[in-house]
C-alpha atoms as a PDB file:
ATOM      1  CA  MET A   1     -71.334  16.856  50.242  1.00  0.00           C
ATOM      2  CA  THR A   2     -68.202  16.158  52.322  1.00  0.00           C
ATOM      3  CA  ARG A   3     -68.899  14.528  56.083  1.00  0.00           C
ATOM      4  CA  PRO A   4     -67.048  16.332  58.623  1.00  0.00           C
ATOM      5  CA  ARG A   5     -64.117  14.525  59.758  1.00  0.00           C
ATOM      6  CA  ARG A   6     -64.588  12.364  63.185  1.00  0.00           C
ATOM      7  CA  LYS A   7     -62.527  13.464  65.970  1.00  0.00           C
ATOM      8  CA  ARG A   8     -60.588  10.222  67.515  1.00  0.00           C
ATOM      9  CA  LYS A   9     -59.827   9.974  70.964  1.00  0.00           C
ATOM     10  CA  GLY A  10     -56.269  11.022  71.795  1.00  0.00           C
ATOM     11  CA  GLU A  11     -56.054  13.509  69.016  1.00  0.00           C
ATOM     12  CA  ILE A  12     -55.296  16.506  71.260  1.00  0.00           C
ATOM     13  CA  SER A  13     -52.791  14.925  73.108  1.00  0.00           C
ATOM     14  CA  GLU A  14     -51.176  13.656  69.838  1.00  0.00           C
ATOM     15  CA  ILE A  15     -50.781  17.310  68.413  1.00  0.00           C
ATOM     16  CA  LEU A  16     -49.848  18.764  71.878  1.00  0.00           C
ATOM     17  CA  SER A  17     -46.919  16.252  72.227  1.00  0.00           C
ATOM     18  CA  ALA A  18     -45.611  16.795  68.624  1.00  0.00           C
ATOM     19  CA  MET A  19     -45.538  20.466  69.281  1.00  0.00           C
ATOM     20  CA  LEU A  20     -43.736  20.301  72.555  1.00  0.00           C
ATOM     21  CA  TRP A  21     -41.414  17.433  70.833  1.00  0.00           C
ATOM     22  CA  LYS A  22     -41.181  17.246  66.970  1.00  0.00           C
ATOM     23  CA  PRO A  23     -37.928  19.004  65.648  1.00  0.00           C
ATOM     24  CA  GLY A  24     -38.593  22.019  63.952  1.00  0.00           C
ATOM     25  CA  GLU A  25     -42.222  22.990  65.794  1.00  0.00           C
ATOM     26  CA  ARG A  26     -42.400  26.172  67.734  1.00  0.00           C
ATOM     27  CA  PRO A  27     -44.611  26.012  70.681  1.00  0.00           C
ATOM     28  CA  GLU A  28     -44.992  29.766  71.237  1.00  0.00           C
ATOM     29  CA  ASP A  29     -46.305  29.524  67.621  1.00  0.00           C
ATOM     30  CA  TYR A  30     -49.329  27.338  69.290  1.00  0.00           C
ATOM     31  CA  GLU A  31     -52.562  28.791  70.939  1.00  0.00           C
ATOM     32  CA  ILE A  32     -54.608  26.753  72.574  1.00  0.00           C
ATOM     33  CA  VAL A  33     -58.377  27.933  73.655  1.00  0.00           C
ATOM     34  CA  PHE A  34     -60.064  26.249  76.720  1.00  0.00           C
ATOM     35  CA  GLU A  35     -63.381  26.457  78.365  1.00  0.00           C
ATOM     36  CA  SER A  36     -62.526  28.719  81.623  1.00  0.00           C
ATOM     37  CA  ARG A  37     -65.518  29.307  84.301  1.00  0.00           C
ATOM     38  CA  GLY A  38     -63.582  32.317  85.673  1.00  0.00           C
ATOM     39  CA  THR A  39     -63.813  34.497  82.181  1.00  0.00           C
ATOM     40  CA  GLU A  40     -66.601  36.529  80.873  1.00  0.00           C
ATOM     41  CA  THR A  41     -66.763  34.576  77.680  1.00  0.00           C
ATOM     42  CA  GLY A  42     -66.279  31.487  79.071  1.00  0.00           C
ATOM     43  CA  LEU A  43     -62.973  31.013  77.089  1.00  0.00           C
ATOM     44  CA  ASP A  44     -59.524  31.684  77.926  1.00  0.00           C
ATOM     45  CA  SER A  45     -56.140  30.348  75.869  1.00  0.00           C
ATOM     46  CA  VAL A  46     -52.693  29.507  76.772  1.00  0.00           C
ATOM     47  CA  ARG A  47     -49.485  29.836  74.097  1.00  0.00           C
ATOM     48  CA  GLY A  48     -47.834  26.500  73.894  1.00  0.00           C
ATOM     49  CA  ASP A  49     -44.674  27.527  75.206  1.00  0.00           C
ATOM     50  CA  GLU A  50     -46.551  28.160  78.509  1.00  0.00           C
ATOM     51  CA  ILE A  51     -47.172  24.349  78.863  1.00  0.00           C
ATOM     52  CA  VAL A  52     -45.150  22.398  81.031  1.00  0.00           C
ATOM     53  CA  GLU A  53     -46.079  19.042  80.114  1.00  0.00           C
ATOM     54  CA  VAL A  54     -49.063  17.120  78.410  1.00  0.00           C
ATOM     55  CA  LYS A  55     -50.442  14.124  79.905  1.00  0.00           C
ATOM     56  CA  SER A  56     -53.113  11.404  78.045  1.00  0.00           C
ATOM     57  CA  ASP A  57     -56.001  13.873  79.916  1.00  0.00           C
ATOM     58  CA  ARG A  58     -54.637  16.797  80.605  1.00  0.00           C
ATOM     59  CA  LEU A  59     -52.143  19.900  80.217  1.00  0.00           C
ATOM     60  CA  ILE A  60     -49.660  21.287  83.059  1.00  0.00           C
ATOM     61  CA  LEU A  61     -49.287  24.640  83.231  1.00  0.00           C
ATOM     62  CA  PRO A  62     -46.748  26.426  85.756  1.00  0.00           C
ATOM     63  CA  GLY A  63     -47.723  26.127  89.280  1.00  0.00           C
ATOM     64  CA  ASP A  64     -49.243  23.035  88.731  1.00  0.00           C
ATOM     65  CA  THR A  65     -52.283  24.544  87.040  1.00  0.00           C
ATOM     66  CA  VAL A  66     -54.223  21.554  85.345  1.00  0.00           C
ATOM     67  CA  ILE A  67     -56.433  22.041  82.127  1.00  0.00           C
ATOM     68  CA  PRO A  68     -58.348  18.934  81.344  1.00  0.00           C
ATOM     69  CA  LEU A  69     -57.863  18.362  77.454  1.00  0.00           C
ATOM     70  CA  HIS A  70     -61.842  17.715  77.646  1.00  0.00           C
ATOM     71  CA  ARG A  71     -61.995  21.218  77.928  1.00  0.00           C
ATOM     72  CA  ILE A  72     -60.368  22.419  74.922  1.00  0.00           C
ATOM     73  CA  VAL A  73     -62.269  23.835  71.811  1.00  0.00           C
ATOM     74  CA  GLU A  74     -59.469  24.813  69.610  1.00  0.00           C
ATOM     75  CA  ILE A  75     -55.761  24.854  68.597  1.00  0.00           C
ATOM     76  CA  ARG A  76     -54.271  27.294  66.813  1.00  0.00           C
ATOM     77  CA  VAL A  77     -50.864  27.443  64.620  1.00  0.00           C
ATOM     78  CA  ARG A  78     -50.239  31.329  63.959  1.00  0.00           C
ATOM     79  CA  GLY A  79     -53.682  32.029  64.302  1.00  0.00           C
ATOM     80  CA  LYS A  80     -55.059  29.525  61.768  1.00  0.00           C
ATOM     81  CA  SER A  81     -57.329  26.566  63.522  1.00  0.00           C
ATOM     82  CA  ILE A  82     -55.628  23.117  62.890  1.00  0.00           C
ATOM     83  CA  TRP A  83     -58.113  21.490  65.287  1.00  0.00           C
ATOM     84  CA  SER A  84     -61.653  22.691  66.843  1.00  0.00           C
ATOM     85  CA  ARG A  85     -64.458  20.842  68.535  1.00  0.00           C
END
């Protein structure tokens, strides 16, 4: 039986920073799913090309909208999950 890989602190910001800055990455292929109190399902998502900046503890979206990284539950690339809680 294999043990689940342990998440490490900073992993989300590393993935998202690479998405924005690594040559060859296409931010529009990324979908970031996060907890949102304002939706019926409790989840919402943004595409990677909607992200203005990645900080160590939050995402900045247009209009100074902030998503704390601890609310992110999944990161998908072209529909395939590459990270999840």
